[in-house]
ModelCIF file with pLDDT and N, C-alpha, C, O atoms, coordinates in Angstrom:
data_MODEL
#
_entry.id   MODEL 
#
_entity.id                         1 
_entity.type                       polymer 
_entity.pdbx_number_of_molecules   1 
#
_entity_poly.entity_id                      1 
_entity_poly.type                           'polypeptide(L)' 
_entity_poly.nstd_linkage                   no 
_entity_poly.nstd_monomer                   no 
_entity_poly.pdbx_seq_one_letter_code       
;(UNK)(UNK)(UNK)(UNK)(UNK)(UNK)(UNK)(UNK)(UNK)(UNK)(UNK)(UNK)(UNK)(UNK)(UNK)(UNK)
(UNK)(UNK)(UNK)(UNK)(UNK)(UNK)(UNK)(UNK)(UNK)(UNK)(UNK)(UNK)(UNK)(UNK)(UNK)(UNK)
(UNK)(UNK)
;
_entity_poly.pdbx_seq_one_letter_code_can   XXXXXXXXXXXXXXXXXXXXXXXXXXXXXXXXXX 
_entity_poly.pdbx_strand_id                 A 
#
loop_
_entity_poly_seq.entity_id 
_entity_poly_seq.num 
_entity_poly_seq.mon_id 
_entity_poly_seq.hetero 
1 1  UNK n 
1 2  UNK n 
1 3  UNK n 
1 4  UNK n 
1 5  UNK n 
1 6  UNK n 
1 7  UNK n 
1 8  UNK n 
1 9  UNK n 
1 10 UNK n 
1 11 UNK n 
1 12 UNK n 
1 13 UNK n 
1 14 UNK n 
1 15 UNK n 
1 16 UNK n 
1 17 UNK n 
1 18 UNK n 
1 19 UNK n 
1 20 UNK n 
1 21 UNK n 
1 22 UNK n 
1 23 UNK n 
1 24 UNK n 
1 25 UNK n 
1 26 UNK n 
1 27 UNK n 
1 28 UNK n 
1 29 UNK n 
1 30 UNK n 
1 31 UNK n 
1 32 UNK n 
1 33 UNK n 
1 34 UNK n 
#
_struct_asym.id          A 
_struct_asym.entity_id   1 
#
loop_
_ma_qa_metric.id 
_ma_qa_metric.mode 
_ma_qa_metric.name 
_ma_qa_metric.software_group_id 
_ma_qa_metric.type 
1 global pLDDT . pLDDT 
2 local  pLDDT . pLDDT 
#
_ma_qa_metric_global.metric_id      1 
_ma_qa_metric_global.metric_value   97.47 
_ma_qa_metric_global.model_id       1 
_ma_qa_metric_global.ordinal_id     1 
#
loop_
_ma_qa_metric_local.label_asym_id 
_ma_qa_metric_local.label_comp_id 
_ma_qa_metric_local.label_seq_id 
_ma_qa_metric_local.metric_id 
_ma_qa_metric_local.metric_value 
_ma_qa_metric_local.model_id 
_ma_qa_metric_local.ordinal_id 
A UNK 1  2 98.00 1 1  
A UNK 2  2 98.00 1 2  
A UNK 3  2 98.00 1 3  
A UNK 4  2 98.00 1 4  
A UNK 5  2 98.00 1 5  
A UNK 6  2 98.00 1 6  
A UNK 7  2 98.00 1 7  
A UNK 8  2 98.00 1 8  
A UNK 9  2 98.00 1 9  
A UNK 10 2 98.00 1 10 
A UNK 11 2 98.00 1 11 
A UNK 12 2 98.00 1 12 
A UNK 13 2 98.00 1 13 
A UNK 14 2 98.00 1 14 
A UNK 15 2 98.00 1 15 
A UNK 16 2 98.00 1 16 
A UNK 17 2 98.00 1 17 
A UNK 18 2 98.00 1 18 
A UNK 19 2 98.00 1 19 
A UNK 20 2 98.00 1 20 
A UNK 21 2 97.00 1 21 
A UNK 22 2 96.00 1 22 
A UNK 23 2 95.00 1 23 
A UNK 24 2 96.00 1 24 
A UNK 25 2 95.00 1 25 
A UNK 26 2 94.00 1 26 
A UNK 27 2 96.00 1 27 
A UNK 28 2 97.00 1 28 
A UNK 29 2 98.00 1 29 
A UNK 30 2 98.00 1 30 
A UNK 31 2 98.00 1 31 
A UNK 32 2 98.00 1 32 
A UNK 33 2 98.00 1 33 
A UNK 34 2 98.00 1 34 
#
loop_
_atom_site.group_PDB 
_atom_site.id 
_atom_site.type_symbol 
_atom_site.label_atom_id 
_atom_site.label_alt_id 
_atom_site.label_comp_id 
_atom_site.label_asym_id 
_atom_site.label_entity_id 
_atom_site.label_seq_id 
_atom_site.pdbx_PDB_ins_code 
_atom_site.Cartn_x 
_atom_site.Cartn_y 
_atom_site.Cartn_z 
_atom_site.occupancy 
_atom_site.B_iso_or_equiv 
_atom_site.pdbx_formal_charge 
_atom_site.auth_seq_id 
_atom_site.auth_comp_id 
_atom_site.auth_asym_id 
_atom_site.auth_atom_id 
_atom_site.pdbx_PDB_model_num 
ATOM 1   N N  . UNK A 1 1  ? -3.441  3.333   -5.050  1.00 98.00 ? 1  UNK A N  1 
ATOM 2   C CA . UNK A 1 1  ? -1.872  2.357   -4.625  1.00 98.00 ? 1  UNK A CA 1 
ATOM 3   C C  . UNK A 1 1  ? -0.805  2.374   -5.882  1.00 98.00 ? 1  UNK A C  1 
ATOM 4   O O  . UNK A 1 1  ? -1.373  2.699   -6.925  1.00 98.00 ? 1  UNK A O  1 
ATOM 5   N N  . UNK A 1 2  ? 0.626   2.100   -6.042  1.00 98.00 ? 2  UNK A N  1 
ATOM 6   C CA . UNK A 1 2  ? 1.553   1.816   -6.272  1.00 98.00 ? 2  UNK A CA 1 
ATOM 7   C C  . UNK A 1 2  ? 2.149   1.187   -5.516  1.00 98.00 ? 2  UNK A C  1 
ATOM 8   O O  . UNK A 1 2  ? 2.108   1.122   -4.288  1.00 98.00 ? 2  UNK A O  1 
ATOM 9   N N  . UNK A 1 3  ? 3.228   0.279   -6.879  1.00 98.00 ? 3  UNK A N  1 
ATOM 10  C CA . UNK A 1 3  ? 4.110   -0.754  -6.325  1.00 98.00 ? 3  UNK A CA 1 
ATOM 11  C C  . UNK A 1 3  ? 4.336   -1.951  -6.758  1.00 98.00 ? 3  UNK A C  1 
ATOM 12  O O  . UNK A 1 3  ? 5.414   -2.541  -6.821  1.00 98.00 ? 3  UNK A O  1 
ATOM 13  N N  . UNK A 1 4  ? 2.956   -2.417  -7.154  1.00 98.00 ? 4  UNK A N  1 
ATOM 14  C CA . UNK A 1 4  ? 2.959   -4.143  -7.236  1.00 98.00 ? 4  UNK A CA 1 
ATOM 15  C C  . UNK A 1 4  ? 3.568   -4.490  -8.909  1.00 98.00 ? 4  UNK A C  1 
ATOM 16  O O  . UNK A 1 4  ? 4.140   -3.726  -9.685  1.00 98.00 ? 4  UNK A O  1 
ATOM 17  N N  . UNK A 1 5  ? 3.203   -5.877  -9.072  1.00 98.00 ? 5  UNK A N  1 
ATOM 18  C CA . UNK A 1 5  ? 3.824   -5.724  -9.631  1.00 98.00 ? 5  UNK A CA 1 
ATOM 19  C C  . UNK A 1 5  ? 4.384   -7.998  -9.483  1.00 98.00 ? 5  UNK A C  1 
ATOM 20  O O  . UNK A 1 5  ? 3.944   -8.609  -8.510  1.00 98.00 ? 5  UNK A O  1 
ATOM 21  N N  . UNK A 1 6  ? 5.000   -8.530  -10.214 1.00 98.00 ? 6  UNK A N  1 
ATOM 22  C CA . UNK A 1 6  ? 5.285   -9.350  -10.516 1.00 98.00 ? 6  UNK A CA 1 
ATOM 23  C C  . UNK A 1 6  ? 6.923   -9.677  -10.380 1.00 98.00 ? 6  UNK A C  1 
ATOM 24  O O  . UNK A 1 6  ? 7.890   -9.110  -10.888 1.00 98.00 ? 6  UNK A O  1 
ATOM 25  N N  . UNK A 1 7  ? 6.818   -10.971 -9.374  1.00 98.00 ? 7  UNK A N  1 
ATOM 26  C CA . UNK A 1 7  ? 8.522   -11.239 -8.266  1.00 98.00 ? 7  UNK A CA 1 
ATOM 27  C C  . UNK A 1 7  ? 7.853   -12.714 -8.031  1.00 98.00 ? 7  UNK A C  1 
ATOM 28  O O  . UNK A 1 7  ? 6.741   -13.241 -8.077  1.00 98.00 ? 7  UNK A O  1 
ATOM 29  N N  . UNK A 1 8  ? 9.355   -13.093 -7.724  1.00 98.00 ? 8  UNK A N  1 
ATOM 30  C CA . UNK A 1 8  ? 9.761   -14.744 -7.854  1.00 98.00 ? 8  UNK A CA 1 
ATOM 31  C C  . UNK A 1 8  ? 9.214   -15.089 -6.324  1.00 98.00 ? 8  UNK A C  1 
ATOM 32  O O  . UNK A 1 8  ? 9.245   -14.166 -5.510  1.00 98.00 ? 8  UNK A O  1 
ATOM 33  N N  . UNK A 1 9  ? 8.763   -16.260 -5.946  1.00 98.00 ? 9  UNK A N  1 
ATOM 34  C CA . UNK A 1 9  ? 8.767   -16.462 -4.570  1.00 98.00 ? 9  UNK A CA 1 
ATOM 35  C C  . UNK A 1 9  ? 10.437  -15.952 -3.968  1.00 98.00 ? 9  UNK A C  1 
ATOM 36  O O  . UNK A 1 9  ? 11.513  -16.005 -4.562  1.00 98.00 ? 9  UNK A O  1 
ATOM 37  N N  . UNK A 1 10 ? 10.070  -15.399 -2.386  1.00 98.00 ? 10 UNK A N  1 
ATOM 38  C CA . UNK A 1 10 ? 11.044  -15.089 -1.752  1.00 98.00 ? 10 UNK A CA 1 
ATOM 39  C C  . UNK A 1 10 ? 11.519  -13.868 -1.861  1.00 98.00 ? 10 UNK A C  1 
ATOM 40  O O  . UNK A 1 10 ? 12.180  -13.347 -0.963  1.00 98.00 ? 10 UNK A O  1 
ATOM 41  N N  . UNK A 1 11 ? 11.264  -13.353 -2.846  1.00 98.00 ? 11 UNK A N  1 
ATOM 42  C CA . UNK A 1 11 ? 11.807  -11.599 -3.224  1.00 98.00 ? 11 UNK A CA 1 
ATOM 43  C C  . UNK A 1 11 ? 10.755  -10.938 -2.724  1.00 98.00 ? 11 UNK A C  1 
ATOM 44  O O  . UNK A 1 11 ? 9.622   -11.407 -2.618  1.00 98.00 ? 11 UNK A O  1 
ATOM 45  N N  . UNK A 1 12 ? 11.232  -9.434  -2.291  1.00 98.00 ? 12 UNK A N  1 
ATOM 46  C CA . UNK A 1 12 ? 10.518  -8.534  -1.584  1.00 98.00 ? 12 UNK A CA 1 
ATOM 47  C C  . UNK A 1 12 ? 9.825   -7.376  -2.904  1.00 98.00 ? 12 UNK A C  1 
ATOM 48  O O  . UNK A 1 12 ? 9.906   -7.465  -4.129  1.00 98.00 ? 12 UNK A O  1 
ATOM 49  N N  . UNK A 1 13 ? 9.165   -6.343  -2.045  1.00 98.00 ? 13 UNK A N  1 
ATOM 50  C CA . UNK A 1 13 ? 8.447   -6.001  -2.500  1.00 98.00 ? 13 UNK A CA 1 
ATOM 51  C C  . UNK A 1 13 ? 7.348   -4.596  -1.817  1.00 98.00 ? 13 UNK A C  1 
ATOM 52  O O  . UNK A 1 13 ? 6.388   -4.859  -1.093  1.00 98.00 ? 13 UNK A O  1 
ATOM 53  N N  . UNK A 1 14 ? 7.587   -3.654  -2.073  1.00 98.00 ? 14 UNK A N  1 
ATOM 54  C CA . UNK A 1 14 ? 7.138   -2.668  -1.002  1.00 98.00 ? 14 UNK A CA 1 
ATOM 55  C C  . UNK A 1 14 ? 5.848   -1.851  -1.921  1.00 98.00 ? 14 UNK A C  1 
ATOM 56  O O  . UNK A 1 14 ? 6.035   -1.233  -2.969  1.00 98.00 ? 14 UNK A O  1 
ATOM 57  N N  . UNK A 1 15 ? 4.922   -1.981  -1.432  1.00 98.00 ? 15 UNK A N  1 
ATOM 58  C CA . UNK A 1 15 ? 3.695   -1.098  -1.578  1.00 98.00 ? 15 UNK A CA 1 
ATOM 59  C C  . UNK A 1 15 ? 3.596   0.748   -1.367  1.00 98.00 ? 15 UNK A C  1 
ATOM 60  O O  . UNK A 1 15 ? 4.306   1.245   -0.493  1.00 98.00 ? 15 UNK A O  1 
ATOM 61  N N  . UNK A 1 16 ? 3.028   1.316   -1.897  1.00 98.00 ? 16 UNK A N  1 
ATOM 62  C CA . UNK A 1 16 ? 2.626   2.701   -1.062  1.00 98.00 ? 16 UNK A CA 1 
ATOM 63  C C  . UNK A 1 16 ? 1.384   3.005   -2.214  1.00 98.00 ? 16 UNK A C  1 
ATOM 64  O O  . UNK A 1 16 ? 1.131   2.878   -3.411  1.00 98.00 ? 16 UNK A O  1 
ATOM 65  N N  . UNK A 1 17 ? 0.788   3.522   -0.870  1.00 98.00 ? 17 UNK A N  1 
ATOM 66  C CA . UNK A 1 17 ? -0.900  4.394   -0.972  1.00 98.00 ? 17 UNK A CA 1 
ATOM 67  C C  . UNK A 1 17 ? -0.310  5.978   -0.814  1.00 98.00 ? 17 UNK A C  1 
ATOM 68  O O  . UNK A 1 17 ? 0.208   6.369   0.233   1.00 98.00 ? 17 UNK A O  1 
ATOM 69  N N  . UNK A 1 18 ? -0.476  6.857   -2.061  1.00 98.00 ? 18 UNK A N  1 
ATOM 70  C CA . UNK A 1 18 ? -0.607  8.064   -1.518  1.00 98.00 ? 18 UNK A CA 1 
ATOM 71  C C  . UNK A 1 18 ? -2.403  8.385   -1.334  1.00 98.00 ? 18 UNK A C  1 
ATOM 72  O O  . UNK A 1 18 ? -3.272  8.049   -2.139  1.00 98.00 ? 18 UNK A O  1 
ATOM 73  N N  . UNK A 1 19 ? -2.616  9.189   0.080   1.00 98.00 ? 19 UNK A N  1 
ATOM 74  C CA . UNK A 1 19 ? -3.765  9.595   -0.060  1.00 98.00 ? 19 UNK A CA 1 
ATOM 75  C C  . UNK A 1 19 ? -3.776  11.055  -0.010  1.00 98.00 ? 19 UNK A C  1 
ATOM 76  O O  . UNK A 1 19 ? -2.765  11.741  0.139   1.00 98.00 ? 19 UNK A O  1 
ATOM 77  N N  . UNK A 1 20 ? -5.440  11.671  -0.193  1.00 98.00 ? 20 UNK A N  1 
ATOM 78  C CA . UNK A 1 20 ? -5.347  13.143  -0.218  1.00 98.00 ? 20 UNK A CA 1 
ATOM 79  C C  . UNK A 1 20 ? -7.053  13.505  0.145   1.00 98.00 ? 20 UNK A C  1 
ATOM 80  O O  . UNK A 1 20 ? -7.809  13.040  -0.708  1.00 98.00 ? 20 UNK A O  1 
ATOM 81  N N  . UNK A 1 21 ? -7.711  14.225  1.227   1.00 97.00 ? 21 UNK A N  1 
ATOM 82  C CA . UNK A 1 21 ? -8.523  14.459  1.233   1.00 97.00 ? 21 UNK A CA 1 
ATOM 83  C C  . UNK A 1 21 ? -9.542  14.215  2.066   1.00 97.00 ? 21 UNK A C  1 
ATOM 84  O O  . UNK A 1 21 ? -10.767 14.204  1.950   1.00 97.00 ? 21 UNK A O  1 
ATOM 85  N N  . UNK A 1 22 ? -8.583  13.973  3.148   1.00 96.00 ? 22 UNK A N  1 
ATOM 86  C CA . UNK A 1 22 ? -9.039  13.654  4.276   1.00 96.00 ? 22 UNK A CA 1 
ATOM 87  C C  . UNK A 1 22 ? -7.597  13.951  5.262   1.00 96.00 ? 22 UNK A C  1 
ATOM 88  O O  . UNK A 1 22 ? -6.420  13.917  4.902   1.00 96.00 ? 22 UNK A O  1 
ATOM 89  N N  . UNK A 1 23 ? -8.090  14.204  6.427   1.00 95.00 ? 23 UNK A N  1 
ATOM 90  C CA . UNK A 1 23 ? -6.799  14.178  8.056   1.00 95.00 ? 23 UNK A CA 1 
ATOM 91  C C  . UNK A 1 23 ? -6.519  13.090  8.099   1.00 95.00 ? 23 UNK A C  1 
ATOM 92  O O  . UNK A 1 23 ? -7.123  12.204  8.703   1.00 95.00 ? 23 UNK A O  1 
ATOM 93  N N  . UNK A 1 24 ? -5.037  12.945  7.116   1.00 96.00 ? 24 UNK A N  1 
ATOM 94  C CA . UNK A 1 24 ? -4.287  11.480  7.176   1.00 96.00 ? 24 UNK A CA 1 
ATOM 95  C C  . UNK A 1 24 ? -4.073  10.847  8.959   1.00 96.00 ? 24 UNK A C  1 
ATOM 96  O O  . UNK A 1 24 ? -4.163  9.672   9.314   1.00 96.00 ? 24 UNK A O  1 
ATOM 97  N N  . UNK A 1 25 ? -3.851  11.748  9.612   1.00 95.00 ? 25 UNK A N  1 
ATOM 98  C CA . UNK A 1 25 ? -2.961  11.362  10.287  1.00 95.00 ? 25 UNK A CA 1 
ATOM 99  C C  . UNK A 1 25 ? -3.838  10.680  11.805  1.00 95.00 ? 25 UNK A C  1 
ATOM 100 O O  . UNK A 1 25 ? -3.429  9.947   12.705  1.00 95.00 ? 25 UNK A O  1 
ATOM 101 N N  . UNK A 1 26 ? -5.788  11.613  11.433  1.00 94.00 ? 26 UNK A N  1 
ATOM 102 C CA . UNK A 1 26 ? -6.492  11.117  12.317  1.00 94.00 ? 26 UNK A CA 1 
ATOM 103 C C  . UNK A 1 26 ? -6.936  9.950   12.147  1.00 94.00 ? 26 UNK A C  1 
ATOM 104 O O  . UNK A 1 26 ? -7.282  9.376   13.179  1.00 94.00 ? 26 UNK A O  1 
ATOM 105 N N  . UNK A 1 27 ? -7.135  8.942   10.398  1.00 96.00 ? 27 UNK A N  1 
ATOM 106 C CA . UNK A 1 27 ? -7.125  8.020   10.306  1.00 96.00 ? 27 UNK A CA 1 
ATOM 107 C C  . UNK A 1 27 ? -6.669  6.807   10.577  1.00 96.00 ? 27 UNK A C  1 
ATOM 108 O O  . UNK A 1 27 ? -5.745  6.730   11.387  1.00 96.00 ? 27 UNK A O  1 
ATOM 109 N N  . UNK A 1 28 ? -6.977  6.098   10.224  1.00 97.00 ? 28 UNK A N  1 
ATOM 110 C CA . UNK A 1 28 ? -6.760  4.840   10.100  1.00 97.00 ? 28 UNK A CA 1 
ATOM 111 C C  . UNK A 1 28 ? -6.531  4.421   8.763   1.00 97.00 ? 28 UNK A C  1 
ATOM 112 O O  . UNK A 1 28 ? -7.317  4.759   7.878   1.00 97.00 ? 28 UNK A O  1 
ATOM 113 N N  . UNK A 1 29 ? -5.376  3.606   8.487   1.00 98.00 ? 29 UNK A N  1 
ATOM 114 C CA . UNK A 1 29 ? -5.287  2.882   7.408   1.00 98.00 ? 29 UNK A CA 1 
ATOM 115 C C  . UNK A 1 29 ? -4.452  1.817   7.300   1.00 98.00 ? 29 UNK A C  1 
ATOM 116 O O  . UNK A 1 29 ? -3.455  1.793   8.021   1.00 98.00 ? 29 UNK A O  1 
ATOM 117 N N  . UNK A 1 30 ? -4.764  0.528   6.194   1.00 98.00 ? 30 UNK A N  1 
ATOM 118 C CA . UNK A 1 30 ? -5.553  -0.564  6.213   1.00 98.00 ? 30 UNK A CA 1 
ATOM 119 C C  . UNK A 1 30 ? -4.120  -0.940  4.906   1.00 98.00 ? 30 UNK A C  1 
ATOM 120 O O  . UNK A 1 30 ? -3.501  -0.074  4.287   1.00 98.00 ? 30 UNK A O  1 
ATOM 121 N N  . UNK A 1 31 ? -3.890  -2.640  4.782   1.00 98.00 ? 31 UNK A N  1 
ATOM 122 C CA . UNK A 1 31 ? -3.846  -2.920  3.720   1.00 98.00 ? 31 UNK A CA 1 
ATOM 123 C C  . UNK A 1 31 ? -4.976  -4.463  3.538   1.00 98.00 ? 31 UNK A C  1 
ATOM 124 O O  . UNK A 1 31 ? -5.028  -5.546  4.120   1.00 98.00 ? 31 UNK A O  1 
ATOM 125 N N  . UNK A 1 32 ? -5.743  -3.828  2.437   1.00 98.00 ? 32 UNK A N  1 
ATOM 126 C CA . UNK A 1 32 ? -6.783  -5.370  2.376   1.00 98.00 ? 32 UNK A CA 1 
ATOM 127 C C  . UNK A 1 32 ? -7.035  -5.895  0.936   1.00 98.00 ? 32 UNK A C  1 
ATOM 128 O O  . UNK A 1 32 ? -7.832  -5.557  0.060   1.00 98.00 ? 32 UNK A O  1 
ATOM 129 N N  . UNK A 1 33 ? -5.932  -6.979  1.018   1.00 98.00 ? 33 UNK A N  1 
ATOM 130 C CA . UNK A 1 33 ? -5.516  -7.720  -0.186  1.00 98.00 ? 33 UNK A CA 1 
ATOM 131 C C  . UNK A 1 33 ? -6.787  -8.773  -0.867  1.00 98.00 ? 33 UNK A C  1 
ATOM 132 O O  . UNK A 1 33 ? -6.934  -9.738  -0.118  1.00 98.00 ? 33 UNK A O  1 
ATOM 133 N N  . UNK A 1 34 ? -7.500  -8.814  -1.784  1.00 98.00 ? 34 UNK A N  1 
ATOM 134 C CA . UNK A 1 34 ? -8.593  -10.085 -2.516  1.00 98.00 ? 34 UNK A CA 1 
ATOM 135 C C  . UNK A 1 34 ? -7.453  -10.858 -3.403  1.00 98.00 ? 34 UNK A C  1 
ATOM 136 O O  . UNK A 1 34 ? -7.761  -11.830 -4.092  1.00 98.00 ? 34 UNK A O  1 
#
């Protein structure tokens, strides 16, 4: 993952996740937060 940071309420942010080692197009991808 990349793209995280500190922002103000109301702002926007885009996260990215670079994947490798598996058939990407045949897998489901998810974003999970804690």
